[in-house]
């Protein structure tokens, strides 16, 4: 009986965590694409306006890739912290 109650409480807490993690994972594509594409578009517009070849396009492409990977690392760090918090709560319940 106690095991069933504990299982139900764990499921109630797990569903919001899974939804939050799922939504975070769904945004990975946007977190990667927007900085890269935005950097290229802005760089291309600056290159056309200033007649500088591909200088700004390549520079802002590199910055966009760096920004995209920074966003990815932040997401991984946040998911890891959330998972660590859930594991701590589960260990507190069993104590």
N, C-alpha and C. Protein backbone atom coordinates (compact mmCIF):
# COMPACT_ATOMS: atom_id res chain seq x y z
N UNK A 1 0.82 -1.19 0.00
CA UNK A 1 0.00 0.00 0.00
C UNK A 1 0.87 1.25 0.00
N UNK A 2 1.86 1.27 0.89
CA UNK A 2 2.78 2.43 0.97
C UNK A 2 3.55 2.58 -0.33
N UNK A 3 3.92 1.47 -0.92
CA UNK A 3 4.67 1.49 -2.19
C UNK A 3 3.82 2.12 -3.30
N UNK A 4 2.53 1.84 -3.34
CA UNK A 4 1.65 2.41 -4.35
C UNK A 4 1.51 3.92 -4.17
N UNK A 5 1.39 4.38 -2.94
CA UNK A 5 1.30 5.82 -2.67
C UNK A 5 2.58 6.53 -3.10
N UNK A 6 3.71 5.93 -2.77
CA UNK A 6 4.99 6.53 -3.13
C UNK A 6 5.14 6.58 -4.65
N UNK A 7 4.70 5.52 -5.32
CA UNK A 7 4.78 5.46 -6.78
C UNK A 7 3.89 6.54 -7.41
N UNK A 8 2.70 6.73 -6.86
CA UNK A 8 1.79 7.75 -7.39
C UNK A 8 2.36 9.15 -7.19
N UNK A 9 2.98 9.42 -6.04
CA UNK A 9 3.59 10.73 -5.79
C UNK A 9 4.75 10.98 -6.74
N UNK A 10 5.53 9.95 -6.99
CA UNK A 10 6.67 10.08 -7.90
C UNK A 10 6.18 10.39 -9.31
N UNK A 11 5.12 9.73 -9.75
CA UNK A 11 4.57 9.99 -11.08
C UNK A 11 4.03 11.41 -11.18
N UNK A 12 3.38 11.89 -10.13
CA UNK A 12 2.84 13.25 -10.14
C UNK A 12 3.95 14.29 -10.29
N UNK A 13 5.08 14.05 -9.69
CA UNK A 13 6.21 14.98 -9.81
C UNK A 13 6.95 14.81 -11.12
N UNK A 14 6.94 13.61 -11.65
CA UNK A 14 7.71 13.31 -12.84
C UNK A 14 7.09 13.92 -14.10
N UNK A 15 5.78 13.98 -14.18
CA UNK A 15 5.12 14.47 -15.38
C UNK A 15 5.49 15.92 -15.68
N UNK A 16 5.43 16.87 -14.72
CA UNK A 16 5.85 18.23 -15.05
C UNK A 16 7.33 18.32 -15.43
N UNK A 17 8.16 17.52 -14.82
CA UNK A 17 9.58 17.53 -15.15
C UNK A 17 9.79 17.05 -16.58
N UNK A 18 9.10 15.98 -16.95
CA UNK A 18 9.22 15.46 -18.31
C UNK A 18 8.70 16.46 -19.34
N UNK A 19 7.61 17.13 -19.04
CA UNK A 19 7.09 18.14 -19.96
C UNK A 19 8.07 19.29 -20.12
N UNK A 20 8.65 19.74 -19.02
CA UNK A 20 9.61 20.85 -19.08
C UNK A 20 10.85 20.44 -19.88
N UNK A 21 11.35 19.23 -19.62
CA UNK A 21 12.51 18.74 -20.36
C UNK A 21 12.17 18.55 -21.83
N UNK A 22 10.99 18.03 -22.09
CA UNK A 22 10.58 17.83 -23.48
C UNK A 22 10.48 19.13 -24.24
N UNK A 23 9.92 20.15 -23.63
CA UNK A 23 9.84 21.44 -24.29
C UNK A 23 11.23 22.03 -24.48
N UNK A 24 12.11 21.81 -23.53
CA UNK A 24 13.49 22.30 -23.68
C UNK A 24 14.20 21.62 -24.82
N UNK A 25 13.98 20.33 -24.98
CA UNK A 25 14.61 19.59 -26.06
C UNK A 25 14.03 20.02 -27.42
N UNK A 26 12.75 20.34 -27.46
CA UNK A 26 12.14 20.77 -28.72
C UNK A 26 12.71 22.10 -29.20
N UNK A 27 13.24 22.90 -28.32
CA UNK A 27 13.78 24.20 -28.73
C UNK A 27 15.23 24.14 -29.17
N UNK A 28 15.85 22.95 -29.13
CA UNK A 28 17.26 22.84 -29.52
C UNK A 28 17.46 23.34 -30.95
N UNK A 29 16.60 22.96 -31.85
CA UNK A 29 16.73 23.38 -33.25
C UNK A 29 16.74 24.89 -33.40
N UNK A 30 15.81 25.54 -32.71
CA UNK A 30 15.74 26.99 -32.79
C UNK A 30 16.95 27.63 -32.12
N UNK A 31 17.39 27.06 -31.00
CA UNK A 31 18.55 27.60 -30.29
C UNK A 31 19.82 27.51 -31.14
N UNK A 32 19.87 26.52 -32.02
CA UNK A 32 21.03 26.38 -32.89
C UNK A 32 20.88 27.19 -34.17
N UNK A 33 19.71 27.19 -34.76
CA UNK A 33 19.52 27.79 -36.09
C UNK A 33 19.46 29.32 -36.07
N UNK A 34 18.77 29.89 -35.11
CA UNK A 34 18.56 31.35 -35.13
C UNK A 34 19.86 32.14 -35.05
N UNK A 35 20.79 31.83 -34.13
CA UNK A 35 22.03 32.61 -34.12
C UNK A 35 22.87 32.44 -35.39
N UNK A 36 22.88 31.24 -35.94
CA UNK A 36 23.69 30.99 -37.14
C UNK A 36 23.10 31.72 -38.34
N UNK A 37 21.82 31.50 -38.59
CA UNK A 37 21.17 32.13 -39.74
C UNK A 37 21.12 33.65 -39.56
N UNK A 38 20.84 34.10 -38.36
CA UNK A 38 20.82 35.54 -38.10
C UNK A 38 22.18 36.18 -38.35
N UNK A 39 23.24 35.51 -37.92
CA UNK A 39 24.59 36.03 -38.14
C UNK A 39 24.92 36.12 -39.62
N UNK A 40 24.54 35.09 -40.37
CA UNK A 40 24.82 35.11 -41.81
C UNK A 40 24.03 36.21 -42.50
N UNK A 41 22.76 36.35 -42.17
CA UNK A 41 21.93 37.37 -42.82
C UNK A 41 22.41 38.78 -42.50
N UNK A 42 22.71 39.03 -41.26
CA UNK A 42 23.21 40.37 -40.88
C UNK A 42 24.57 40.62 -41.51
N UNK A 43 25.44 39.61 -41.49
CA UNK A 43 26.75 39.76 -42.10
C UNK A 43 26.66 40.01 -43.60
N UNK A 44 25.77 39.30 -44.28
CA UNK A 44 25.59 39.50 -45.72
C UNK A 44 25.07 40.92 -46.01
N UNK A 45 24.13 41.38 -45.20
CA UNK A 45 23.61 42.74 -45.40
C UNK A 45 24.71 43.78 -45.18
N UNK A 46 25.54 43.60 -44.15
CA UNK A 46 26.65 44.53 -43.91
C UNK A 46 27.67 44.48 -45.05
N UNK A 47 27.97 43.29 -45.56
CA UNK A 47 28.92 43.16 -46.66
C UNK A 47 28.40 43.85 -47.93
N UNK A 48 27.13 43.73 -48.20
CA UNK A 48 26.57 44.40 -49.38
C UNK A 48 26.57 45.90 -49.20
N UNK A 49 26.24 46.36 -48.00
CA UNK A 49 26.16 47.79 -47.72
C UNK A 49 27.54 48.44 -47.76
N UNK A 50 28.53 47.75 -47.19
CA UNK A 50 29.88 48.31 -47.10
C UNK A 50 30.81 47.83 -48.21
N UNK A 51 30.33 46.95 -49.10
CA UNK A 51 31.13 46.39 -50.20
C UNK A 51 32.45 45.80 -49.69
N UNK A 52 32.36 44.88 -48.75
CA UNK A 52 33.56 44.31 -48.13
C UNK A 52 33.76 42.83 -48.47
N UNK A 53 33.16 42.33 -49.49
CA UNK A 53 33.32 40.91 -49.84
C UNK A 53 32.52 40.04 -48.88
N UNK A 54 33.22 39.08 -48.22
CA UNK A 54 32.54 38.18 -47.30
C UNK A 54 33.06 38.31 -45.87
N UNK A 55 33.65 39.43 -45.55
CA UNK A 55 34.27 39.61 -44.25
C UNK A 55 33.26 39.50 -43.11
N UNK A 56 32.21 40.30 -43.16
CA UNK A 56 31.22 40.30 -42.08
C UNK A 56 30.40 39.02 -42.09
N UNK A 57 30.13 38.46 -43.27
CA UNK A 57 29.36 37.22 -43.34
C UNK A 57 30.09 36.10 -42.60
N UNK A 58 31.37 35.94 -42.89
CA UNK A 58 32.13 34.87 -42.24
C UNK A 58 32.33 35.16 -40.75
N UNK A 59 32.60 36.41 -40.42
CA UNK A 59 32.80 36.75 -39.01
C UNK A 59 31.56 36.52 -38.17
N UNK A 60 30.43 36.97 -38.69
CA UNK A 60 29.19 36.78 -37.94
C UNK A 60 28.69 35.34 -37.99
N UNK A 61 29.08 34.59 -39.03
CA UNK A 61 28.78 33.16 -39.04
C UNK A 61 29.50 32.46 -37.90
N UNK A 62 30.77 32.78 -37.72
CA UNK A 62 31.54 32.19 -36.62
C UNK A 62 30.94 32.58 -35.27
N UNK A 63 30.58 33.85 -35.12
CA UNK A 63 29.94 34.28 -33.86
C UNK A 63 28.60 33.59 -33.65
N UNK A 64 27.85 33.39 -34.73
CA UNK A 64 26.57 32.70 -34.63
C UNK A 64 26.73 31.25 -34.20
N UNK A 65 27.75 30.57 -34.74
CA UNK A 65 28.00 29.18 -34.35
C UNK A 65 28.41 29.12 -32.88
N UNK A 66 29.26 30.06 -32.47
CA UNK A 66 29.67 30.09 -31.06
C UNK A 66 28.47 30.36 -30.15
N UNK A 67 27.60 31.28 -30.55
CA UNK A 67 26.39 31.56 -29.77
C UNK A 67 25.45 30.37 -29.72
N UNK A 68 25.34 29.65 -30.83
CA UNK A 68 24.47 28.47 -30.87
C UNK A 68 24.96 27.39 -29.92
N UNK A 69 26.27 27.15 -29.92
CA UNK A 69 26.79 26.13 -29.01
C UNK A 69 26.73 26.58 -27.56
N UNK A 70 26.84 27.87 -27.32
CA UNK A 70 26.66 28.37 -25.96
C UNK A 70 25.22 28.09 -25.49
N UNK A 71 24.24 28.35 -26.36
CA UNK A 71 22.85 28.05 -26.02
C UNK A 71 22.67 26.57 -25.74
N UNK A 72 23.32 25.71 -26.53
CA UNK A 72 23.22 24.28 -26.33
C UNK A 72 23.82 23.85 -24.99
N UNK A 73 24.96 24.41 -24.64
CA UNK A 73 25.59 24.09 -23.36
C UNK A 73 24.72 24.55 -22.19
N UNK A 74 24.10 25.72 -22.32
CA UNK A 74 23.19 26.20 -21.26
C UNK A 74 22.03 25.25 -21.08
N UNK A 75 21.45 24.77 -22.18
CA UNK A 75 20.33 23.83 -22.11
C UNK A 75 20.75 22.54 -21.44
N UNK A 76 21.90 22.00 -21.82
CA UNK A 76 22.39 20.76 -21.22
C UNK A 76 22.63 20.95 -19.73
N UNK A 77 23.22 22.07 -19.37
CA UNK A 77 23.48 22.36 -17.95
C UNK A 77 22.18 22.45 -17.16
N UNK A 78 21.18 23.13 -17.72
CA UNK A 78 19.89 23.27 -17.04
C UNK A 78 19.20 21.92 -16.87
N UNK A 79 19.21 21.09 -17.93
CA UNK A 79 18.60 19.77 -17.84
C UNK A 79 19.31 18.89 -16.82
N UNK A 80 20.62 19.00 -16.78
CA UNK A 80 21.40 18.22 -15.82
C UNK A 80 21.08 18.65 -14.38
N UNK A 81 20.95 19.94 -14.15
CA UNK A 81 20.59 20.42 -12.80
C UNK A 81 19.18 19.99 -12.41
N UNK A 82 18.25 20.02 -13.36
CA UNK A 82 16.88 19.57 -13.07
C UNK A 82 16.87 18.09 -12.71
N UNK A 83 17.61 17.29 -13.46
CA UNK A 83 17.66 15.85 -13.20
C UNK A 83 18.30 15.58 -11.84
N UNK A 84 19.34 16.34 -11.51
CA UNK A 84 20.01 16.17 -10.22
C UNK A 84 19.04 16.50 -9.08
N UNK A 85 18.21 17.54 -9.27
CA UNK A 85 17.24 17.91 -8.24
C UNK A 85 16.19 16.83 -8.04
N UNK A 86 15.75 16.20 -9.13
CA UNK A 86 14.76 15.12 -9.03
C UNK A 86 15.37 13.93 -8.29
N UNK A 87 16.62 13.61 -8.58
CA UNK A 87 17.26 12.48 -7.91
C UNK A 87 17.42 12.75 -6.42
N UNK A 88 17.73 14.00 -6.05
CA UNK A 88 17.85 14.34 -4.64
C UNK A 88 16.52 14.22 -3.92
N UNK A 89 15.42 14.63 -4.58
CA UNK A 89 14.10 14.53 -3.97
C UNK A 89 13.73 13.06 -3.75
N UNK A 90 14.07 12.22 -4.75
CA UNK A 90 13.75 10.80 -4.62
C UNK A 90 14.54 10.16 -3.47
N UNK A 91 15.80 10.57 -3.31
CA UNK A 91 16.59 9.99 -2.23
C UNK A 91 16.12 10.50 -0.87
N UNK A 92 15.59 11.72 -0.80
CA UNK A 92 15.05 12.24 0.44
C UNK A 92 13.79 11.48 0.86
N UNK A 93 12.97 11.08 -0.13
CA UNK A 93 11.75 10.34 0.17
C UNK A 93 12.06 8.95 0.73
N UNK A 94 13.08 8.32 0.21
CA UNK A 94 13.39 6.96 0.64
C UNK A 94 14.06 6.94 2.01
N UNK A 95 14.60 8.08 2.44
CA UNK A 95 15.27 8.12 3.75
C UNK A 95 14.29 8.11 4.88
